[in-house]
PDB file of N, CA and C in Angstrom:
ATOM      1  N   MET A   1     -53.615 -18.244 -32.279  1.00  0.00           N
ATOM      2  CA  MET A   1     -55.028 -18.471 -32.490  1.00  0.00           C
ATOM      3  C   MET A   1     -55.636 -19.075 -31.219  1.00  0.00           C
ATOM      4  N   SER A   2     -56.634 -18.424 -30.699  1.00  0.00           N
ATOM      5  CA  SER A   2     -57.275 -18.873 -29.470  1.00  0.00           C
ATOM      6  C   SER A   2     -58.444 -19.791 -29.796  1.00  0.00           C
ATOM      7  N   HIS A   3     -58.583 -20.856 -29.035  1.00  0.00           N
ATOM      8  CA  HIS A   3     -59.673 -21.798 -29.229  1.00  0.00           C
ATOM      9  C   HIS A   3     -60.694 -21.683 -28.118  1.00  0.00           C
ATOM     10  N   GLU A   4     -60.823 -20.500 -27.530  1.00  0.00           N
ATOM     11  CA  GLU A   4     -61.789 -20.296 -26.465  1.00  0.00           C
ATOM     12  C   GLU A   4     -63.160 -20.017 -27.062  1.00  0.00           C
ATOM     13  N   LEU A   5     -64.159 -20.610 -26.483  1.00  0.00           N
ATOM     14  CA  LEU A   5     -65.531 -20.385 -26.888  1.00  0.00           C
ATOM     15  C   LEU A   5     -66.099 -19.313 -25.968  1.00  0.00           C
ATOM     16  N   SER A   6     -66.724 -18.309 -26.517  1.00  0.00           N
ATOM     17  CA  SER A   6     -67.326 -17.291 -25.667  1.00  0.00           C
ATOM     18  C   SER A   6     -68.793 -17.133 -26.037  1.00  0.00           C
ATOM     19  N   PHE A   7     -69.596 -16.774 -25.064  1.00  0.00           N
ATOM     20  CA  PHE A   7     -71.025 -16.653 -25.273  1.00  0.00           C
ATOM     21  C   PHE A   7     -71.586 -15.610 -24.327  1.00  0.00           C
ATOM     22  N   GLY A   8     -72.757 -15.091 -24.649  1.00  0.00           N
ATOM     23  CA  GLY A   8     -73.415 -14.096 -23.805  1.00  0.00           C
ATOM     24  C   GLY A   8     -74.033 -14.758 -22.594  1.00  0.00           C
ATOM     25  N   VAL A   9     -74.176 -13.993 -21.529  1.00  0.00           N
ATOM     26  CA  VAL A   9     -74.744 -14.518 -20.291  1.00  0.00           C
ATOM     27  C   VAL A   9     -76.072 -13.828 -20.036  1.00  0.00           C
ATOM     28  N   GLY A  10     -77.157 -14.587 -20.096  1.00  0.00           N
ATOM     29  CA  GLY A  10     -78.482 -14.078 -19.776  1.00  0.00           C
ATOM     30  C   GLY A  10     -78.855 -12.850 -20.583  1.00  0.00           C
ATOM     31  N   ALA A  11     -79.389 -11.849 -19.898  1.00  0.00           N
ATOM     32  CA  ALA A  11     -79.835 -10.625 -20.558  1.00  0.00           C
ATOM     33  C   ALA A  11     -78.672  -9.751 -20.989  1.00  0.00           C
ATOM     34  N   TRP A  12     -77.490 -10.013 -20.450  1.00  0.00           N
ATOM     35  CA  TRP A  12     -76.325  -9.200 -20.785  1.00  0.00           C
ATOM     36  C   TRP A  12     -75.584  -9.827 -21.953  1.00  0.00           C
ATOM     37  N   SER A  13     -76.137  -9.687 -23.144  1.00  0.00           N
ATOM     38  CA  SER A  13     -75.514 -10.328 -24.301  1.00  0.00           C
ATOM     39  C   SER A  13     -74.185  -9.682 -24.669  1.00  0.00           C
ATOM     40  N   ASP A  14     -73.944  -8.456 -24.182  1.00  0.00           N
ATOM     41  CA  ASP A  14     -72.660  -7.819 -24.467  1.00  0.00           C
ATOM     42  C   ASP A  14     -71.573  -8.284 -23.501  1.00  0.00           C
ATOM     43  N   THR A  15     -71.940  -8.998 -22.440  1.00  0.00           N
ATOM     44  CA  THR A  15     -70.975  -9.533 -21.487  1.00  0.00           C
ATOM     45  C   THR A  15     -70.550 -10.916 -21.956  1.00  0.00           C
ATOM     46  N   GLN A  16     -69.298 -11.070 -22.254  1.00  0.00           N
ATOM     47  CA  GLN A  16     -68.798 -12.344 -22.754  1.00  0.00           C
ATOM     48  C   GLN A  16     -68.073 -13.099 -21.653  1.00  0.00           C
ATOM     49  N   VAL A  17     -68.365 -14.377 -21.523  1.00  0.00           N
ATOM     50  CA  VAL A  17     -67.722 -15.241 -20.546  1.00  0.00           C
ATOM     51  C   VAL A  17     -67.103 -16.402 -21.305  1.00  0.00           C
ATOM     52  N   THR A  18     -65.848 -16.679 -21.051  1.00  0.00           N
ATOM     53  CA  THR A  18     -65.202 -17.787 -21.742  1.00  0.00           C
ATOM     54  C   THR A  18     -65.481 -19.089 -21.008  1.00  0.00           C
ATOM     55  N   VAL A  19     -65.295 -20.192 -21.701  1.00  0.00           N
ATOM     56  CA  VAL A  19     -65.504 -21.507 -21.099  1.00  0.00           C
ATOM     57  C   VAL A  19     -64.531 -21.708 -19.944  1.00  0.00           C
ATOM     58  N   LYS A  20     -63.321 -21.170 -20.066  1.00  0.00           N
ATOM     59  CA  LYS A  20     -62.344 -21.301 -18.984  1.00  0.00           C
ATOM     60  C   LYS A  20     -62.849 -20.642 -17.702  1.00  0.00           C
ATOM     61  N   THR A  21     -63.651 -19.599 -17.822  1.00  0.00           N
ATOM     62  CA  THR A  21     -64.211 -18.927 -16.655  1.00  0.00           C
ATOM     63  C   THR A  21     -65.489 -19.610 -16.202  1.00  0.00           C
ATOM     64  N   TYR A  22     -66.329 -20.004 -17.147  1.00  0.00           N
ATOM     65  CA  TYR A  22     -67.640 -20.545 -16.819  1.00  0.00           C
ATOM     66  C   TYR A  22     -67.571 -21.911 -16.165  1.00  0.00           C
ATOM     67  N   ARG A  23     -66.716 -22.791 -16.647  1.00  0.00           N
ATOM     68  CA  ARG A  23     -66.652 -24.166 -16.148  1.00  0.00           C
ATOM     69  C   ARG A  23     -66.368 -24.252 -14.648  1.00  0.00           C
ATOM     70  N   PRO A  24     -65.367 -23.548 -14.112  1.00  0.00           N
ATOM     71  CA  PRO A  24     -65.140 -23.624 -12.662  1.00  0.00           C
ATOM     72  C   PRO A  24     -66.319 -23.086 -11.844  1.00  0.00           C
ATOM     73  N   LEU A  25     -66.971 -22.045 -12.356  1.00  0.00           N
ATOM     74  CA  LEU A  25     -68.140 -21.512 -11.648  1.00  0.00           C
ATOM     75  C   LEU A  25     -69.280 -22.527 -11.659  1.00  0.00           C
ATOM     76  N   ASP A  26     -69.474 -23.195 -12.771  1.00  0.00           N
ATOM     77  CA  ASP A  26     -70.505 -24.214 -12.887  1.00  0.00           C
ATOM     78  C   ASP A  26     -70.215 -25.391 -11.958  1.00  0.00           C
ATOM     79  N   ASP A  27     -68.971 -25.832 -11.933  1.00  0.00           N
ATOM     80  CA  ASP A  27     -68.581 -26.937 -11.050  1.00  0.00           C
ATOM     81  C   ASP A  27     -68.741 -26.568  -9.579  1.00  0.00           C
ATOM     82  N   ALA A  28     -68.367 -25.345  -9.228  1.00  0.00           N
ATOM     83  CA  ALA A  28     -68.497 -24.897  -7.834  1.00  0.00           C
ATOM     84  C   ALA A  28     -69.967 -24.849  -7.421  1.00  0.00           C
ATOM     85  N   GLY A  29     -70.824 -24.379  -8.303  1.00  0.00           N
ATOM     86  CA  GLY A  29     -72.259 -24.335  -7.998  1.00  0.00           C
ATOM     87  C   GLY A  29     -72.850 -25.718  -7.827  1.00  0.00           C
ATOM     88  N   ALA A  30     -72.468 -26.633  -8.706  1.00  0.00           N
ATOM     89  CA  ALA A  30     -72.967 -28.016  -8.611  1.00  0.00           C
ATOM     90  C   ALA A  30     -72.471 -28.680  -7.327  1.00  0.00           C
ATOM     91  N   SER A  31     -71.232 -28.429  -6.956  1.00  0.00           N
ATOM     92  CA  SER A  31     -70.676 -29.006  -5.724  1.00  0.00           C
ATOM     93  C   SER A  31     -71.389 -28.464  -4.493  1.00  0.00           C
ATOM     94  N   LEU A  32     -71.652 -27.175  -4.476  1.00  0.00           N
ATOM     95  CA  LEU A  32     -72.350 -26.563  -3.343  1.00  0.00           C
ATOM     96  C   LEU A  32     -73.768 -27.104  -3.218  1.00  0.00           C
ATOM     97  N   LEU A  33     -74.458 -27.229  -4.343  1.00  0.00           N
ATOM     98  CA  LEU A  33     -75.815 -27.755  -4.325  1.00  0.00           C
ATOM     99  C   LEU A  33     -75.847 -29.212  -3.873  1.00  0.00           C
ATOM    100  N   SER A  34     -74.888 -29.997  -4.307  1.00  0.00           N
ATOM    101  CA  SER A  34     -74.801 -31.394  -3.908  1.00  0.00           C
ATOM    102  C   SER A  34     -74.528 -31.528  -2.407  1.00  0.00           C
ATOM    103  N   ALA A  35     -73.631 -30.706  -1.891  1.00  0.00           N
ATOM    104  CA  ALA A  35     -73.323 -30.745  -0.461  1.00  0.00           C
ATOM    105  C   ALA A  35     -74.541 -30.345   0.370  1.00  0.00           C
ATOM    106  N   ALA A  36     -75.257 -29.322  -0.058  1.00  0.00           N
ATOM    107  CA  ALA A  36     -76.454 -28.882   0.670  1.00  0.00           C
ATOM    108  C   ALA A  36     -77.531 -29.963   0.641  1.00  0.00           C
ATOM    109  N   SER A  37     -77.679 -30.626  -0.490  1.00  0.00           N
ATOM    110  CA  SER A  37     -78.659 -31.702  -0.614  1.00  0.00           C
ATOM    111  C   SER A  37     -78.313 -32.872   0.310  1.00  0.00           C
ATOM    112  N   SER A  38     -77.045 -33.191   0.406  1.00  0.00           N
ATOM    113  CA  SER A  38     -76.607 -34.283   1.282  1.00  0.00           C
ATOM    114  C   SER A  38     -76.881 -33.973   2.744  1.00  0.00           C
ATOM    115  N   VAL A  39     -76.595 -32.755   3.154  1.00  0.00           N
ATOM    116  CA  VAL A  39     -76.856 -32.344   4.541  1.00  0.00           C
ATOM    117  C   VAL A  39     -78.354 -32.398   4.828  1.00  0.00           C
ATOM    118  N   TYR A  40     -79.160 -31.914   3.885  1.00  0.00           N
ATOM    119  CA  TYR A  40     -80.616 -31.920   4.061  1.00  0.00           C
ATOM    120  C   TYR A  40     -81.145 -33.341   4.205  1.00  0.00           C
ATOM    121  N   MET A  41     -80.724 -34.247   3.313  1.00  0.00           N
ATOM    122  CA  MET A  41     -81.230 -35.615   3.378  1.00  0.00           C
ATOM    123  C   MET A  41     -80.755 -36.338   4.635  1.00  0.00           C
ATOM    124  N   ALA A  42     -79.534 -36.087   5.051  1.00  0.00           N
ATOM    125  CA  ALA A  42     -79.051 -36.699   6.295  1.00  0.00           C
ATOM    126  C   ALA A  42     -79.872 -36.197   7.482  1.00  0.00           C
ATOM    127  N   SER A  43     -80.235 -34.934   7.460  1.00  0.00           N
ATOM    128  CA  SER A  43     -81.072 -34.372   8.528  1.00  0.00           C
ATOM    129  C   SER A  43     -82.451 -35.011   8.533  1.00  0.00           C
ATOM    130  N   MET A  44     -83.017 -35.210   7.344  1.00  0.00           N
ATOM    131  CA  MET A  44     -84.347 -35.822   7.259  1.00  0.00           C
ATOM    132  C   MET A  44     -84.327 -37.263   7.774  1.00  0.00           C
ATOM    133  N   PHE A  45     -83.292 -38.021   7.411  1.00  0.00           N
ATOM    134  CA  PHE A  45     -83.182 -39.388   7.913  1.00  0.00           C
ATOM    135  C   PHE A  45     -82.978 -39.393   9.426  1.00  0.00           C
ATOM    136  N   GLY A  46     -82.207 -38.449   9.936  1.00  0.00           N
ATOM    137  CA  GLY A  46     -81.997 -38.357  11.380  1.00  0.00           C
ATOM    138  C   GLY A  46     -83.277 -38.036  12.128  1.00  0.00           C
ATOM    139  N   LEU A  47     -84.043 -37.084  11.596  1.00  0.00           N
ATOM    140  CA  LEU A  47     -85.318 -36.735  12.230  1.00  0.00           C
ATOM    141  C   LEU A  47     -86.316 -37.885  12.144  1.00  0.00           C
ATOM    142  N   ALA A  48     -86.382 -38.550  10.996  1.00  0.00           N
ATOM    143  CA  ALA A  48     -87.317 -39.668  10.834  1.00  0.00           C
ATOM    144  C   ALA A  48     -86.950 -40.819  11.764  1.00  0.00           C
ATOM    145  N   GLY A  49     -85.680 -40.950  12.107  1.00  0.00           N
ATOM    146  CA  GLY A  49     -85.252 -42.011  13.011  1.00  0.00           C
ATOM    147  C   GLY A  49     -85.767 -41.852  14.428  1.00  0.00           C
ATOM    148  N   MET A  50     -86.194 -40.643  14.780  1.00  0.00           N
ATOM    149  CA  MET A  50     -86.725 -40.397  16.124  1.00  0.00           C
ATOM    150  C   MET A  50     -88.208 -40.755  16.234  1.00  0.00           C
ATOM    151  N   PHE A  51     -88.844 -41.007  15.102  1.00  0.00           N
ATOM    152  CA  PHE A  51     -90.271 -41.295  15.076  1.00  0.00           C
ATOM    153  C   PHE A  51     -90.505 -42.769  14.754  1.00  0.00           C
ATOM    154  N   PRO A  52     -91.755 -43.212  14.774  1.00  0.00           N
ATOM    155  CA  PRO A  52     -92.051 -44.616  14.425  1.00  0.00           C
ATOM    156  C   PRO A  52     -91.575 -44.966  13.010  1.00  0.00           C
ATOM    157  N   ILE A  53     -91.491 -46.255  12.737  1.00  0.00           N
ATOM    158  CA  ILE A  53     -90.905 -46.769  11.496  1.00  0.00           C
ATOM    159  C   ILE A  53     -91.623 -46.271  10.245  1.00  0.00           C
ATOM    160  N   GLN A  54     -92.898 -45.903  10.355  1.00  0.00           N
ATOM    161  CA  GLN A  54     -93.642 -45.435   9.187  1.00  0.00           C
ATOM    162  C   GLN A  54     -93.016 -44.158   8.599  1.00  0.00           C
ATOM    163  N   TYR A  55     -92.439 -43.332   9.444  1.00  0.00           N
ATOM    164  CA  TYR A  55     -91.824 -42.098   8.965  1.00  0.00           C
ATOM    165  C   TYR A  55     -90.560 -42.396   8.151  1.00  0.00           C
ATOM    166  N   MET A  56     -89.782 -43.353   8.619  1.00  0.00           N
ATOM    167  CA  MET A  56     -88.589 -43.737   7.867  1.00  0.00           C
ATOM    168  C   MET A  56     -88.986 -44.360   6.532  1.00  0.00           C
ATOM    169  N   GLN A  57     -90.045 -45.163   6.557  1.00  0.00           N
ATOM    170  CA  GLN A  57     -90.528 -45.780   5.326  1.00  0.00           C
ATOM    171  C   GLN A  57     -90.991 -44.706   4.338  1.00  0.00           C
ATOM    172  N   ALA A  58     -91.636 -43.668   4.815  1.00  0.00           N
ATOM    173  CA  ALA A  58     -92.090 -42.587   3.940  1.00  0.00           C
ATOM    174  C   ALA A  58     -90.906 -41.843   3.319  1.00  0.00           C
ATOM    175  N   ILE A  59     -89.863 -41.603   4.107  1.00  0.00           N
ATOM    176  CA  ILE A  59     -88.672 -40.917   3.584  1.00  0.00           C
ATOM    177  C   ILE A  59     -88.004 -41.781   2.511  1.00  0.00           C
ATOM    178  N   MET A  60     -87.866 -43.062   2.769  1.00  0.00           N
ATOM    179  CA  MET A  60     -87.217 -43.952   1.797  1.00  0.00           C
ATOM    180  C   MET A  60     -88.057 -44.094   0.534  1.00  0.00           C
ATOM    181  N   SER A  61     -89.368 -44.178   0.667  1.00  0.00           N
ATOM    182  CA  SER A  61     -90.239 -44.264  -0.507  1.00  0.00           C
ATOM    183  C   SER A  61     -90.132 -42.993  -1.343  1.00  0.00           C
ATOM    184  N   GLY A  62     -90.045 -41.862  -0.696  1.00  0.00           N
ATOM    185  CA  GLY A  62     -89.868 -40.596  -1.402  1.00  0.00           C
ATOM    186  C   GLY A  62     -88.567 -40.554  -2.178  1.00  0.00           C
ATOM    187  N   GLN A  63     -87.501 -41.091  -1.590  1.00  0.00           N
ATOM    188  CA  GLN A  63     -86.216 -41.158  -2.282  1.00  0.00           C
ATOM    189  C   GLN A  63     -86.313 -42.026  -3.527  1.00  0.00           C
ATOM    190  N   VAL A  64     -86.980 -43.165  -3.411  1.00  0.00           N
ATOM    191  CA  VAL A  64     -87.122 -44.073  -4.548  1.00  0.00           C
ATOM    192  C   VAL A  64     -87.921 -43.409  -5.662  1.00  0.00           C
ATOM    193  N   CYS A  65     -89.014 -42.766  -5.312  1.00  0.00           N
ATOM    194  CA  CYS A  65     -89.844 -42.100  -6.329  1.00  0.00           C
ATOM    195  C   CYS A  65     -89.059 -40.991  -7.027  1.00  0.00           C
ATOM    196  N   THR A  66     -88.285 -40.235  -6.291  1.00  0.00           N
ATOM    197  CA  THR A  66     -87.488 -39.167  -6.883  1.00  0.00           C
ATOM    198  C   THR A  66     -86.459 -39.730  -7.843  1.00  0.00           C
ATOM    199  N   ASN A  67     -85.793 -40.813  -7.462  1.00  0.00           N
ATOM    200  CA  ASN A  67     -84.803 -41.413  -8.345  1.00  0.00           C
ATOM    201  C   ASN A  67     -85.428 -41.988  -9.605  1.00  0.00           C
ATOM    202  N   VAL A  68     -86.614 -42.546  -9.494  1.00  0.00           N
ATOM    203  CA  VAL A  68     -87.286 -43.091 -10.681  1.00  0.00           C
ATOM    204  C   VAL A  68     -87.682 -41.969 -11.627  1.00  0.00           C
ATOM    205  N   LEU A  69     -88.182 -40.857 -11.080  1.00  0.00           N
ATOM    206  CA  LEU A  69     -88.647 -39.744 -11.913  1.00  0.00           C
ATOM    207  C   LEU A  69     -87.500 -39.007 -12.595  1.00  0.00           C
ATOM    208  N   TYR A  70     -86.379 -38.825 -11.902  1.00  0.00           N
ATOM    209  CA  TYR A  70     -85.314 -37.982 -12.428  1.00  0.00           C
ATOM    210  C   TYR A  70     -84.139 -38.737 -13.020  1.00  0.00           C
ATOM    211  N   ASP A  71     -84.189 -40.049 -13.061  1.00  0.00           N
ATOM    212  CA  ASP A  71     -83.090 -40.809 -13.686  1.00  0.00           C
ATOM    213  C   ASP A  71     -83.453 -41.293 -15.052  1.00  0.00           C
TER     214      ASP A  71
END
C-alpha cells in the first residue's frame, strides 16, 4: 500500500506529480530564489555604500518596511 499523495499540476489535471517529486523541486526553487535575493541585496548595499549616507539609510529603511509588511 502506497502512502504517496498525488495531485494535478496547473492546467494539466491529467498530469500527476507525487509529493516525493514535488518537494525537491519546491525546495530547489526556494533555494535559488533566496540565493538570488541575497546577491541582489548585497549589490544594493554595495552600491549605496559608494554614495552619501542618505542612500544607505534609504536602503535600510526599505528593508525594515519590507520585513514589517511581510512578517
